[in-house]
Amino acid sequence: MADSMEIEQETSLSPVESYPQYKLDLAYFTQADRCPLMVRRGARGAFALFLYLAHQYLKNNGEPVLVDYDTLIPVCGIDSANPHARSAISRLLRALRNTFGVIDYQPVQRRRPQIRLAPARPDADMLNPRHYIYIKEGWDTERRAAFDRLGSRAFAAEYMYWIAQYESTMALRKHKRPYWFFPLEKISKMYHVSVPFAGIGLRGLVELGIMHVTHGQFRSQATNESGVANRYYFKGFDEIGRCQEQLDGLESEYDKELLSLAKTWAKQHLTNGQTYKNVEGLCKLLVAHGEEKVQQALDQIADLPTRSLKRRLGHLRALVSGEKKPPANNAPP
């Protein structure tokens, strides 16, 4: 588990630096009446608007953000053709100020309001908080579109993205680990989100390729390092594009139908889904051994729990080549 609340402040940075630091106070995510309240109310649009405004505020080194409705409308997922789109943005701004308490502004008739972040805690240092999430990448329509692929799970994945980024950074800086692990129950307690919401969000990040996972094992006698908590390897949002480029490169190497089948089977049967490694590995197995033999091997792991280590490409490769016996279908207790 990441005891990451004790983050060491970078001595090379100062509140008076003239360039943006993009440090968003972690308290917005750990105070139950701030961003966690958006989760409980299913306020995806409000959360997206908050991220955008927070990024712009930090980019301006704490100077007020002048609202641009034409930019905010698509960022929040509102149809620009909707005649009530600007009114919807105004309602979201009021909710961020009055309900969630994360921004502050004074309404000015017939003029665009100037937005400031409201401190998550009374003693907060807005530009150089001690515990922070780094949001230099910000939020835009491209990111929203990528998460939209998850349908109803999009908000959970968007929200957990920032928590996963923070925990991954702390694991690397404080513990020198390339992965982070944090039982869902403790995530729920620290960040005031439900266990199902956190689980859905993390699985969505894995599905998109933003994270890779090594599943924890219920039968393990070890503690944190190899116990029931999953180990997550955070790759970042850009991994979506990198993976897609790699997969596109396979189109020149393999038949279109074979590649499509490999992608489908990777998503259905293998840990981490349609990664380049999984898809390429399945393509090679199909070429070397044929569809029937690979299908038989997949049938042998199809009923195993999702977290089974036998759902990895290496085990499937061994099954196809006849190096291993079919796994026993024993679900964890």
C-alpha atoms as a PDB file:
ATOM      1  CA  MET A   1       0.000   0.000   0.000  1.00  0.00           C
ATOM      2  CA  ALA A   2       1.223   3.482  -0.729  1.00  0.00           C
ATOM      3  CA  ASP A   3       1.726   5.412   2.504  1.00  0.00           C
ATOM      4  CA  SER A   4       2.026   8.261   0.106  1.00  0.00           C
ATOM      5  CA  MET A   5       0.498  11.028   2.164  1.00  0.00           C
ATOM      6  CA  GLU A   6       4.020  11.779   3.349  1.00  0.00           C
ATOM      7  CA  ILE A   7       5.206  13.025  -0.009  1.00  0.00           C
ATOM      8  CA  GLU A   8       8.542  14.797   0.020  1.00  0.00           C
ATOM      9  CA  GLN A   9       8.357  18.287  -1.369  1.00  0.00           C
ATOM     10  CA  GLU A  10      10.761  19.079  -4.197  1.00  0.00           C
ATOM     11  CA  THR A  11      13.304  21.563  -2.882  1.00  0.00           C
ATOM     12  CA  SER A  12      14.112  22.843  -6.373  1.00  0.00           C
ATOM     13  CA  LEU A  13      10.645  24.357  -6.739  1.00  0.00           C
ATOM     14  CA  SER A  14       9.336  27.437  -4.999  1.00  0.00           C
ATOM     15  CA  PRO A  15       5.933  29.114  -4.763  1.00  0.00           C
ATOM     16  CA  VAL A  16       7.426  32.190  -6.415  1.00  0.00           C
ATOM     17  CA  GLU A  17       8.679  30.420  -9.535  1.00  0.00           C
ATOM     18  CA  SER A  18       7.620  32.248 -12.663  1.00  0.00           C
ATOM     19  CA  TYR A  19       6.691  29.128 -14.626  1.00  0.00           C
ATOM     20  CA  PRO A  20       3.654  26.882 -14.110  1.00  0.00           C
ATOM     21  CA  GLN A  21       4.058  23.959 -11.726  1.00  0.00           C
ATOM     22  CA  TYR A  22       0.684  22.285 -12.365  1.00  0.00           C
ATOM     23  CA  LYS A  23       0.426  20.956  -8.806  1.00  0.00           C
ATOM     24  CA  LEU A  24      -3.205  20.276  -7.919  1.00  0.00           C
ATOM     25  CA  ASP A  25      -3.716  19.809  -4.185  1.00  0.00           C
ATOM     26  CA  LEU A  26      -4.408  16.155  -3.383  1.00  0.00           C
ATOM     27  CA  ALA A  27      -6.937  17.353  -0.818  1.00  0.00           C
ATOM     28  CA  TYR A  28      -9.456  17.922  -3.628  1.00  0.00           C
ATOM     29  CA  PHE A  29      -9.535  14.114  -3.895  1.00  0.00           C
ATOM     30  CA  THR A  30      -9.217  13.229  -0.211  1.00  0.00           C
ATOM     31  CA  GLN A  31     -11.751  15.715   1.218  1.00  0.00           C
ATOM     32  CA  ALA A  32     -15.142  14.006   1.099  1.00  0.00           C
ATOM     33  CA  ASP A  33     -17.055  17.181   0.187  1.00  0.00           C
ATOM     34  CA  ARG A  34     -14.921  18.093  -2.833  1.00  0.00           C
ATOM     35  CA  CYS A  35     -14.300  15.784  -5.828  1.00  0.00           C
ATOM     36  CA  PRO A  36     -15.594  12.667  -4.016  1.00  0.00           C
ATOM     37  CA  LEU A  37     -18.964  14.433  -3.771  1.00  0.00           C
ATOM     38  CA  MET A  38     -18.937  14.745  -7.572  1.00  0.00           C
ATOM     39  CA  VAL A  39     -18.500  10.972  -7.730  1.00  0.00           C
ATOM     40  CA  ARG A  40     -21.402  10.322  -5.390  1.00  0.00           C
ATOM     41  CA  ARG A  41     -23.623  12.567  -7.517  1.00  0.00           C
ATOM     42  CA  GLY A  42     -22.393  11.177 -10.821  1.00  0.00           C
ATOM     43  CA  ALA A  43     -21.317  14.675 -11.887  1.00  0.00           C
ATOM     44  CA  ARG A  44     -18.989  13.758 -14.751  1.00  0.00           C
ATOM     45  CA  GLY A  45     -19.470  17.089 -16.507  1.00  0.00           C
ATOM     46  CA  ALA A  46     -18.661  19.042 -13.348  1.00  0.00           C
ATOM     47  CA  PHE A  47     -15.506  16.989 -12.783  1.00  0.00           C
ATOM     48  CA  ALA A  48     -14.327  17.573 -16.362  1.00  0.00           C
ATOM     49  CA  LEU A  49     -14.971  21.296 -16.014  1.00  0.00           C
ATOM     50  CA  PHE A  50     -13.068  21.378 -12.727  1.00  0.00           C
ATOM     51  CA  LEU A  51     -10.052  19.648 -14.273  1.00  0.00           C
ATOM     52  CA  TYR A  52      -9.999  22.057 -17.180  1.00  0.00           C
ATOM     53  CA  LEU A  53     -10.315  25.158 -14.993  1.00  0.00           C
ATOM     54  CA  ALA A  54      -7.749  23.864 -12.483  1.00  0.00           C
ATOM     55  CA  HIS A  55      -5.247  23.258 -15.274  1.00  0.00           C
ATOM     56  CA  GLN A  56      -5.795  26.725 -16.720  1.00  0.00           C
ATOM     57  CA  TYR A  57      -5.548  28.354 -13.284  1.00  0.00           C
ATOM     58  CA  LEU A  58      -2.236  26.630 -12.536  1.00  0.00           C
ATOM     59  CA  LYS A  59      -0.993  27.361 -16.047  1.00  0.00           C
ATOM     60  CA  ASN A  60      -1.671  31.050 -15.321  1.00  0.00           C
ATOM     61  CA  ASN A  61       0.314  30.828 -12.056  1.00  0.00           C
ATOM     62  CA  GLY A  62      -2.754  31.580  -9.988  1.00  0.00           C
ATOM     63  CA  GLU A  63      -4.187  34.340 -12.146  1.00  0.00           C
ATOM     64  CA  PRO A  64      -7.970  34.180 -12.711  1.00  0.00           C
ATOM     65  CA  VAL A  65      -9.269  32.187 -15.665  1.00  0.00           C
ATOM     66  CA  LEU A  66     -11.557  34.018 -18.065  1.00  0.00           C
ATOM     67  CA  VAL A  67     -14.307  31.592 -19.061  1.00  0.00           C
ATOM     68  CA  ASP A  68     -14.535  30.706 -22.763  1.00  0.00           C
ATOM     69  CA  TYR A  69     -17.902  29.009 -23.224  1.00  0.00           C
ATOM     70  CA  ASP A  70     -17.117  27.772 -26.727  1.00  0.00           C
ATOM     71  CA  THR A  71     -14.133  25.828 -25.333  1.00  0.00           C
ATOM     72  CA  LEU A  72     -15.873  24.554 -22.210  1.00  0.00           C
ATOM     73  CA  ILE A  73     -18.942  23.150 -23.983  1.00  0.00           C
ATOM     74  CA  PRO A  74     -17.166  20.241 -25.792  1.00  0.00           C
ATOM     75  CA  VAL A  75     -14.785  19.648 -22.861  1.00  0.00           C
ATOM     76  CA  CYS A  76     -17.818  18.901 -20.684  1.00  0.00           C
ATOM     77  CA  GLY A  77     -19.385  16.637 -23.298  1.00  0.00           C
ATOM     78  CA  ILE A  78     -22.207  19.014 -24.147  1.00  0.00           C
ATOM     79  CA  ASP A  79     -23.471  19.174 -27.716  1.00  0.00           C
ATOM     80  CA  SER A  80     -22.463  22.565 -29.100  1.00  0.00           C
ATOM     81  CA  ALA A  81     -25.620  22.560 -31.254  1.00  0.00           C
ATOM     82  CA  ASN A  82     -27.786  22.449 -28.144  1.00  0.00           C
ATOM     83  CA  PRO A  83     -29.378  25.899 -27.736  1.00  0.00           C
ATOM     84  CA  HIS A  84     -29.104  25.515 -23.951  1.00  0.00           C
ATOM     85  CA  ALA A  85     -25.395  24.603 -23.959  1.00  0.00           C
ATOM     86  CA  ARG A  86     -24.205  27.907 -22.492  1.00  0.00           C
ATOM     87  CA  SER A  87     -26.834  27.708 -19.770  1.00  0.00           C
ATOM     88  CA  ALA A  88     -25.626  24.181 -18.943  1.00  0.00           C
ATOM     89  CA  ILE A  89     -22.079  25.505 -18.478  1.00  0.00           C
ATOM     90  CA  SER A  90     -23.380  28.261 -16.206  1.00  0.00           C
ATOM     91  CA  ARG A  91     -25.178  25.638 -14.085  1.00  0.00           C
ATOM     92  CA  LEU A  92     -22.000  23.569 -13.841  1.00  0.00           C
ATOM     93  CA  LEU A  93     -20.013  26.622 -12.775  1.00  0.00           C
ATOM     94  CA  ARG A  94     -22.558  27.369 -10.043  1.00  0.00           C
ATOM     95  CA  ALA A  95     -22.390  23.745  -8.875  1.00  0.00           C
ATOM     96  CA  LEU A  96     -18.582  23.875  -8.710  1.00  0.00           C
ATOM     97  CA  ARG A  97     -18.805  27.035  -6.601  1.00  0.00           C
ATOM     98  CA  ASN A  98     -21.846  26.428  -4.410  1.00  0.00           C
ATOM     99  CA  THR A  99     -22.120  22.622  -4.113  1.00  0.00           C
ATOM    100  CA  PHE A 100     -18.587  21.291  -4.457  1.00  0.00           C
ATOM    101  CA  GLY A 101     -16.663  24.351  -3.256  1.00  0.00           C
ATOM    102  CA  VAL A 102     -13.737  23.955  -5.657  1.00  0.00           C
ATOM    103  CA  ILE A 103     -13.876  27.297  -7.508  1.00  0.00           C
ATOM    104  CA  ASP A 104     -14.787  30.870  -6.690  1.00  0.00           C
ATOM    105  CA  TYR A 105     -15.970  33.772  -8.834  1.00  0.00           C
ATOM    106  CA  GLN A 106     -18.228  36.779  -8.781  1.00  0.00           C
ATOM    107  CA  PRO A 107     -21.036  36.748 -11.375  1.00  0.00           C
ATOM    108  CA  VAL A 108     -20.887  39.783 -13.632  1.00  0.00           C
ATOM    109  CA  GLN A 109     -23.901  40.595 -15.790  1.00  0.00           C
ATOM    110  CA  ARG A 110     -23.206  40.312 -19.538  1.00  0.00           C
ATOM    111  CA  ARG A 111     -19.539  39.586 -18.899  1.00  0.00           C
ATOM    112  CA  ARG A 112     -17.607  36.362 -18.600  1.00  0.00           C
ATOM    113  CA  PRO A 113     -16.721  35.533 -14.986  1.00  0.00           C
ATOM    114  CA  GLN A 114     -13.125  35.284 -13.813  1.00  0.00           C
ATOM    115  CA  ILE A 115     -12.556  31.926 -12.136  1.00  0.00           C
ATOM    116  CA  ARG A 116     -10.195  31.140  -9.277  1.00  0.00           C
ATOM    117  CA  LEU A 117      -9.643  27.811  -7.566  1.00  0.00           C
ATOM    118  CA  ALA A 118     -11.078  27.687  -4.066  1.00  0.00           C
ATOM    119  CA  PRO A 119      -8.714  26.070  -1.536  1.00  0.00           C
ATOM    120  CA  ALA A 120      -9.586  22.504  -0.604  1.00  0.00           C
ATOM    121  CA  ARG A 121      -8.428  23.263   2.951  1.00  0.00           C
ATOM    122  CA  PRO A 122      -8.245  26.584   4.825  1.00  0.00           C
ATOM    123  CA  ASP A 123      -4.432  26.538   5.104  1.00  0.00           C
ATOM    124  CA  ALA A 124      -3.755  25.298   1.555  1.00  0.00           C
ATOM    125  CA  ASP A 125      -0.898  26.630  -0.551  1.00  0.00           C
ATOM    126  CA  MET A 126      -2.680  26.855  -3.886  1.00  0.00           C
ATOM    127  CA  LEU A 127       0.369  26.875  -6.165  1.00  0.00           C
ATOM    128  CA  ASN A 128       2.776  24.695  -4.210  1.00  0.00           C
ATOM    129  CA  PRO A 129       0.839  22.194  -2.054  1.00  0.00           C
ATOM    130  CA  ARG A 130       2.728  19.607  -0.053  1.00  0.00           C
ATOM    131  CA  HIS A 131       0.719  16.687  -1.426  1.00  0.00           C
ATOM    132  CA  TYR A 132      -0.298  17.096  -5.025  1.00  0.00           C
ATOM    133  CA  ILE A 133      -1.379  15.529  -8.289  1.00  0.00           C
ATOM    134  CA  TYR A 134       0.632  16.729 -11.268  1.00  0.00           C
ATOM    135  CA  ILE A 135      -1.775  17.832 -13.999  1.00  0.00           C
ATOM    136  CA  LYS A 136       0.455  19.403 -16.648  1.00  0.00           C
ATOM    137  CA  GLU A 137      -1.324  17.314 -19.305  1.00  0.00           C
ATOM    138  CA  GLY A 138      -4.651  18.892 -18.376  1.00  0.00           C
ATOM    139  CA  TRP A 139      -8.004  17.888 -19.829  1.00  0.00           C
ATOM    140  CA  ASP A 140      -9.425  18.266 -23.322  1.00  0.00           C
ATOM    141  CA  THR A 141     -11.837  16.764 -25.840  1.00  0.00           C
ATOM    142  CA  GLU A 142      -9.255  14.209 -27.036  1.00  0.00           C
ATOM    143  CA  ARG A 143      -8.970  12.719 -23.578  1.00  0.00           C
ATOM    144  CA  ARG A 144     -12.719  12.741 -23.096  1.00  0.00           C
ATOM    145  CA  ALA A 145     -13.201  10.911 -26.416  1.00  0.00           C
ATOM    146  CA  ALA A 146     -10.701   8.221 -25.404  1.00  0.00           C
ATOM    147  CA  PHE A 147     -12.543   7.529 -22.148  1.00  0.00           C
ATOM    148  CA  ASP A 148     -15.911   7.645 -23.915  1.00  0.00           C
ATOM    149  CA  ARG A 149     -14.984   4.284 -25.456  1.00  0.00           C
ATOM    150  CA  LEU A 150     -15.781   2.761 -22.057  1.00  0.00           C
ATOM    151  CA  GLY A 151     -19.412   3.867 -22.176  1.00  0.00           C
ATOM    152  CA  SER A 152     -21.007   4.003 -18.725  1.00  0.00           C
ATOM    153  CA  ARG A 153     -17.638   3.226 -17.106  1.00  0.00           C
ATOM    154  CA  ALA A 154     -15.975   6.349 -18.515  1.00  0.00           C
ATOM    155  CA  PHE A 155     -16.404   8.568 -15.459  1.00  0.00           C
ATOM    156  CA  ALA A 156     -14.960   5.963 -13.101  1.00  0.00           C
ATOM    157  CA  ALA A 157     -11.893   5.537 -15.329  1.00  0.00           C
ATOM    158  CA  GLU A 158     -11.429   9.303 -15.746  1.00  0.00           C
ATOM    159  CA  TYR A 159     -11.566   9.816 -12.010  1.00  0.00           C
ATOM    160  CA  MET A 160      -9.326   6.889 -11.071  1.00  0.00           C
ATOM    161  CA  TYR A 161      -6.791   7.973 -13.700  1.00  0.00           C
ATOM    162  CA  TRP A 162      -5.595  10.812 -11.457  1.00  0.00           C
ATOM    163  CA  ILE A 163      -5.464   8.655  -8.352  1.00  0.00           C
ATOM    164  CA  ALA A 164      -3.541   5.971 -10.247  1.00  0.00           C
ATOM    165  CA  GLN A 165      -1.113   8.577 -11.563  1.00  0.00           C
ATOM    166  CA  TYR A 166      -0.483   9.889  -8.055  1.00  0.00           C
ATOM    167  CA  GLU A 167      -0.015   6.471  -6.471  1.00  0.00           C
ATOM    168  CA  SER A 168       2.277   5.359  -9.298  1.00  0.00           C
ATOM    169  CA  THR A 169       4.439   8.464  -8.896  1.00  0.00           C
ATOM    170  CA  MET A 170       4.715   7.934  -5.150  1.00  0.00           C
ATOM    171  CA  ALA A 171       5.615   4.263  -5.559  1.00  0.00           C
ATOM    172  CA  LEU A 172       8.424   5.230  -7.909  1.00  0.00           C
ATOM    173  CA  ARG A 173       9.755   8.180  -5.898  1.00  0.00           C
ATOM    174  CA  LYS A 174       9.457   6.840  -2.366  1.00  0.00           C
ATOM    175  CA  HIS A 175       9.768   3.085  -2.798  1.00  0.00           C
ATOM    176  CA  LYS A 176      11.659   2.809  -6.113  1.00  0.00           C
ATOM    177  CA  ARG A 177       9.003   0.469  -7.503  1.00  0.00           C
ATOM    178  CA  PRO A 178       7.781   0.543 -11.115  1.00  0.00           C
ATOM    179  CA  TYR A 179       4.331  -0.533  -9.914  1.00  0.00           C
ATOM    180  CA  TRP A 180       1.906   0.420  -7.170  1.00  0.00           C
ATOM    181  CA  PHE A 181      -0.483  -1.718  -5.159  1.00  0.00           C
ATOM    182  CA  PHE A 182      -3.308  -0.502  -2.958  1.00  0.00           C
ATOM    183  CA  PRO A 183      -6.239  -2.737  -1.860  1.00  0.00           C
ATOM    184  CA  LEU A 184      -9.580  -1.392  -3.048  1.00  0.00           C
ATOM    185  CA  GLU A 185     -10.899  -1.122   0.504  1.00  0.00           C
ATOM    186  CA  LYS A 186      -8.088   1.252   1.428  1.00  0.00           C
ATOM    187  CA  ILE A 187      -8.508   3.256  -1.774  1.00  0.00           C
ATOM    188  CA  SER A 188     -12.172   3.601  -0.849  1.00  0.00           C
ATOM    189  CA  LYS A 189     -11.342   4.819   2.653  1.00  0.00           C
ATOM    190  CA  MET A 190      -8.624   7.281   1.647  1.00  0.00           C
ATOM    191  CA  TYR A 191     -10.329   8.763  -1.414  1.00  0.00           C
ATOM    192  CA  HIS A 192     -13.984   8.469  -0.299  1.00  0.00           C
ATOM    193  CA  VAL A 193     -15.165   6.500  -3.330  1.00  0.00           C
ATOM    194  CA  SER A 194     -16.984   3.188  -3.276  1.00  0.00           C
ATOM    195  CA  VAL A 195     -15.114  -0.070  -3.800  1.00  0.00           C
ATOM    196  CA  PRO A 196     -17.151  -0.895  -6.951  1.00  0.00           C
ATOM    197  CA  PHE A 197     -16.457   2.558  -8.423  1.00  0.00           C
ATOM    198  CA  ALA A 198     -12.709   2.248  -7.807  1.00  0.00           C
ATOM    199  CA  GLY A 199     -12.618  -1.276  -9.228  1.00  0.00           C
ATOM    200  CA  ILE A 200     -14.555  -0.312 -12.352  1.00  0.00           C
ATOM    201  CA  GLY A 201     -12.282   2.662 -12.931  1.00  0.00           C
ATOM    202  CA  LEU A 202      -9.047   0.711 -12.560  1.00  0.00           C
ATOM    203  CA  ARG A 203     -10.274  -2.068 -14.838  1.00  0.00           C
ATOM    204  CA  GLY A 204     -11.228   0.575 -17.388  1.00  0.00           C
ATOM    205  CA  LEU A 205      -7.706   2.008 -17.300  1.00  0.00           C
ATOM    206  CA  VAL A 206      -6.299  -1.464 -17.929  1.00  0.00           C
ATOM    207  CA  GLU A 207      -8.716  -1.997 -20.816  1.00  0.00           C
ATOM    208  CA  LEU A 208      -7.629   1.268 -22.432  1.00  0.00           C
ATOM    209  CA  GLY A 209      -3.965   0.331 -22.032  1.00  0.00           C
ATOM    210  CA  ILE A 210      -3.198   3.213 -19.669  1.00  0.00           C
ATOM    211  CA  MET A 211      -2.203   0.663 -17.025  1.00  0.00           C
ATOM    212  CA  HIS A 212      -1.068  -2.934 -17.041  1.00  0.00           C
ATOM    213  CA  VAL A 213      -1.885  -5.224 -14.149  1.00  0.00           C
ATOM    214  CA  THR A 214      -0.462  -8.271 -12.435  1.00  0.00           C
ATOM    215  CA  HIS A 215      -3.359  -9.703 -10.467  1.00  0.00           C
ATOM    216  CA  GLY A 216      -2.987 -10.496  -6.798  1.00  0.00           C
ATOM    217  CA  GLN A 217      -3.581 -14.081  -5.704  1.00  0.00           C
ATOM    218  CA  PHE A 218      -6.007 -15.033  -2.936  1.00  0.00           C
ATOM    219  CA  ARG A 219      -4.117 -18.188  -2.064  1.00  0.00           C
ATOM    220  CA  SER A 220      -0.795 -16.441  -1.594  1.00  0.00           C
ATOM    221  CA  GLN A 221       0.643 -16.554   1.930  1.00  0.00           C
ATOM    222  CA  ALA A 222       2.797 -13.483   1.318  1.00  0.00           C
ATOM    223  CA  THR A 223       1.707 -10.006   2.337  1.00  0.00           C
ATOM    224  CA  ASN A 224       1.587  -6.821   0.293  1.00  0.00           C
ATOM    225  CA  GLU A 225       4.148  -7.556  -2.418  1.00  0.00           C
ATOM    226  CA  SER A 226       2.444 -10.653  -3.802  1.00  0.00           C
ATOM    227  CA  GLY A 227      -0.792 -10.925  -1.840  1.00  0.00           C
ATOM    228  CA  VAL A 228      -4.352 -10.187  -2.890  1.00  0.00           C
ATOM    229  CA  ALA A 229      -3.708  -6.578  -3.983  1.00  0.00           C
ATOM    230  CA  ASN A 230      -3.168  -6.127  -7.706  1.00  0.00           C
ATOM    231  CA  ARG A 231       0.089  -4.627  -8.919  1.00  0.00           C
ATOM    232  CA  TYR A 232      -0.521  -1.807 -11.384  1.00  0.00           C
ATOM    233  CA  TYR A 233       2.021  -0.487 -13.876  1.00  0.00           C
ATOM    234  CA  PHE A 234       0.980   3.013 -14.905  1.00  0.00           C
ATOM    235  CA  LYS A 235       1.844   3.756 -18.544  1.00  0.00           C
ATOM    236  CA  GLY A 236       0.066   7.077 -18.982  1.00  0.00           C
ATOM    237  CA  PHE A 237      -2.516   8.425 -21.384  1.00  0.00           C
ATOM    238  CA  ASP A 238      -0.074   8.544 -24.304  1.00  0.00           C
ATOM    239  CA  GLU A 239       0.193   4.760 -24.154  1.00  0.00           C
ATOM    240  CA  ILE A 240      -3.181   4.580 -25.943  1.00  0.00           C
ATOM    241  CA  GLY A 241      -1.687   6.207 -29.037  1.00  0.00           C
ATOM    242  CA  ARG A 242       1.590   4.291 -28.844  1.00  0.00           C
ATOM    243  CA  CYS A 243      -0.206   0.955 -28.599  1.00  0.00           C
ATOM    244  CA  GLN A 244      -2.494   1.822 -31.505  1.00  0.00           C
ATOM    245  CA  GLU A 245       0.492   2.721 -33.681  1.00  0.00           C
ATOM    246  CA  GLN A 246       2.125  -0.609 -32.857  1.00  0.00           C
ATOM    247  CA  LEU A 247      -1.071  -2.511 -33.612  1.00  0.00           C
ATOM    248  CA  ASP A 248      -1.455  -0.640 -36.895  1.00  0.00           C
ATOM    249  CA  GLY A 249       2.043  -1.779 -37.785  1.00  0.00           C
ATOM    250  CA  LEU A 250       0.911  -5.398 -37.545  1.00  0.00           C
ATOM    251  CA  GLU A 251      -1.465  -4.845 -40.465  1.00  0.00           C
ATOM    252  CA  SER A 252       1.445  -5.049 -42.894  1.00  0.00           C
ATOM    253  CA  GLU A 253       2.679  -8.305 -41.347  1.00  0.00           C
ATOM    254  CA  TYR A 254      -0.473 -10.371 -40.909  1.00  0.00           C
ATOM    255  CA  ASP A 255      -3.693 -11.135 -42.739  1.00  0.00           C
ATOM    256  CA  LYS A 256      -6.529  -8.782 -41.802  1.00  0.00           C
ATOM    257  CA  GLU A 257      -8.864 -11.547 -40.586  1.00  0.00           C
ATOM    258  CA  LEU A 258      -6.111 -13.220 -38.572  1.00  0.00           C
ATOM    259  CA  LEU A 259      -5.184  -9.916 -36.921  1.00  0.00           C
ATOM    260  CA  SER A 260      -8.822  -9.187 -36.124  1.00  0.00           C
ATOM    261  CA  LEU A 261      -9.198 -12.605 -34.512  1.00  0.00           C
ATOM    262  CA  ALA A 262      -6.042 -12.085 -32.456  1.00  0.00           C
ATOM    263  CA  LYS A 263      -7.337  -8.759 -31.173  1.00  0.00           C
ATOM    264  CA  THR A 264     -10.693 -10.282 -30.236  1.00  0.00           C
ATOM    265  CA  TRP A 265      -9.146 -13.210 -28.393  1.00  0.00           C
ATOM    266  CA  ALA A 266      -6.638 -10.978 -26.595  1.00  0.00           C
ATOM    267  CA  LYS A 267      -9.454  -8.795 -25.278  1.00  0.00           C
ATOM    268  CA  GLN A 268     -11.622 -11.756 -24.253  1.00  0.00           C
ATOM    269  CA  HIS A 269      -9.088 -14.105 -22.717  1.00  0.00           C
ATOM    270  CA  LEU A 270      -5.717 -12.565 -21.805  1.00  0.00           C
ATOM    271  CA  THR A 271      -4.637 -10.403 -18.891  1.00  0.00           C
ATOM    272  CA  ASN A 272      -4.316  -6.741 -19.970  1.00  0.00           C
ATOM    273  CA  GLY A 273      -6.338  -7.351 -23.130  1.00  0.00           C
ATOM    274  CA  GLN A 274      -5.316  -5.882 -26.487  1.00  0.00           C
ATOM    275  CA  THR A 275      -1.732  -4.932 -25.705  1.00  0.00           C
ATOM    276  CA  TYR A 276       0.761  -5.071 -28.545  1.00  0.00           C
ATOM    277  CA  LYS A 277       2.535  -7.977 -26.834  1.00  0.00           C
ATOM    278  CA  ASN A 278      -0.668 -10.020 -26.496  1.00  0.00           C
ATOM    279  CA  VAL A 279      -1.925  -9.370 -30.020  1.00  0.00           C
ATOM    280  CA  GLU A 280       1.428  -9.994 -31.686  1.00  0.00           C
ATOM    281  CA  GLY A 281       1.921 -13.149 -29.628  1.00  0.00           C
ATOM    282  CA  LEU A 282      -1.476 -14.505 -30.669  1.00  0.00           C
ATOM    283  CA  CYS A 283      -0.733 -13.685 -34.317  1.00  0.00           C
ATOM    284  CA  LYS A 284       2.470 -15.703 -34.142  1.00  0.00           C
ATOM    285  CA  LEU A 285       0.662 -18.629 -32.488  1.00  0.00           C
ATOM    286  CA  LEU A 286      -2.058 -18.588 -35.152  1.00  0.00           C
ATOM    287  CA  VAL A 287       0.515 -18.604 -37.951  1.00  0.00           C
ATOM    288  CA  ALA A 288       2.615 -21.340 -36.366  1.00  0.00           C
ATOM    289  CA  HIS A 289      -0.092 -23.647 -35.020  1.00  0.00           C
ATOM    290  CA  GLY A 290      -3.367 -22.746 -36.721  1.00  0.00           C
ATOM    291  CA  GLU A 291      -6.665 -21.425 -35.451  1.00  0.00           C
ATOM    292  CA  GLU A 292      -8.021 -24.740 -34.176  1.00  0.00           C
ATOM    293  CA  LYS A 293      -5.112 -25.477 -31.868  1.00  0.00           C
ATOM    294  CA  VAL A 294      -5.025 -21.952 -30.442  1.00  0.00           C
ATOM    295  CA  GLN A 295      -8.795 -22.095 -29.900  1.00  0.00           C
ATOM    296  CA  GLN A 296      -8.424 -25.362 -27.978  1.00  0.00           C
ATOM    297  CA  ALA A 297      -5.823 -23.788 -25.705  1.00  0.00           C
ATOM    298  CA  LEU A 298      -8.026 -20.742 -25.112  1.00  0.00           C
ATOM    299  CA  ASP A 299     -10.950 -23.008 -24.230  1.00  0.00           C
ATOM    300  CA  GLN A 300      -8.801 -24.479 -21.459  1.00  0.00           C
ATOM    301  CA  ILE A 301      -8.412 -21.096 -19.739  1.00  0.00           C
ATOM    302  CA  ALA A 302     -11.778 -19.568 -20.676  1.00  0.00           C
ATOM    303  CA  ASP A 303     -13.456 -20.459 -17.375  1.00  0.00           C
ATOM    304  CA  LEU A 304     -10.568 -19.437 -15.132  1.00  0.00           C
ATOM    305  CA  PRO A 305     -11.013 -16.379 -12.876  1.00  0.00           C
ATOM    306  CA  THR A 306     -10.076 -13.075 -14.477  1.00  0.00           C
ATOM    307  CA  ARG A 307      -7.224 -12.622 -12.012  1.00  0.00           C
ATOM    308  CA  SER A 308      -5.682 -16.049 -12.742  1.00  0.00           C
ATOM    309  CA  LEU A 309      -1.989 -15.855 -13.648  1.00  0.00           C
ATOM    310  CA  LYS A 310      -2.686 -18.571 -16.225  1.00  0.00           C
ATOM    311  CA  ARG A 311      -4.440 -16.014 -18.407  1.00  0.00           C
ATOM    312  CA  ARG A 312      -1.098 -14.557 -19.445  1.00  0.00           C
ATOM    313  CA  LEU A 313       0.384 -14.976 -22.908  1.00  0.00           C
ATOM    314  CA  GLY A 314       3.303 -17.076 -21.677  1.00  0.00           C
ATOM    315  CA  HIS A 315       1.029 -19.742 -20.248  1.00  0.00           C
ATOM    316  CA  LEU A 316      -1.131 -19.803 -23.372  1.00  0.00           C
ATOM    317  CA  ARG A 317       1.985 -20.218 -25.503  1.00  0.00           C
ATOM    318  CA  ALA A 318       3.030 -23.183 -23.379  1.00  0.00           C
ATOM    319  CA  LEU A 319      -0.422 -24.767 -23.699  1.00  0.00           C
ATOM    320  CA  VAL A 320      -0.416 -24.445 -27.477  1.00  0.00           C
ATOM    321  CA  SER A 321       3.031 -25.983 -27.757  1.00  0.00           C
ATOM    322  CA  GLY A 322       2.069 -28.811 -25.379  1.00  0.00           C
ATOM    323  CA  GLU A 323       4.544 -27.880 -22.651  1.00  0.00           C
ATOM    324  CA  LYS A 324       1.913 -27.637 -19.899  1.00  0.00           C
ATOM    325  CA  LYS A 325      -1.176 -29.551 -18.854  1.00  0.00           C
ATOM    326  CA  PRO A 326      -4.552 -27.749 -18.853  1.00  0.00           C
ATOM    327  CA  PRO A 327      -5.041 -25.688 -15.671  1.00  0.00           C
ATOM    328  CA  ALA A 328      -7.375 -26.847 -12.931  1.00  0.00           C
ATOM    329  CA  ASN A 329     -10.559 -24.778 -12.859  1.00  0.00           C
ATOM    330  CA  ASN A 330     -10.451 -23.786  -9.189  1.00  0.00           C
ATOM    331  CA  ALA A 331     -11.871 -20.375  -8.397  1.00  0.00           C
ATOM    332  CA  PRO A 332     -10.322 -18.449  -5.472  1.00  0.00           C
ATOM    333  CA  PRO A 333     -12.133 -18.763  -2.164  1.00  0.00           C
END
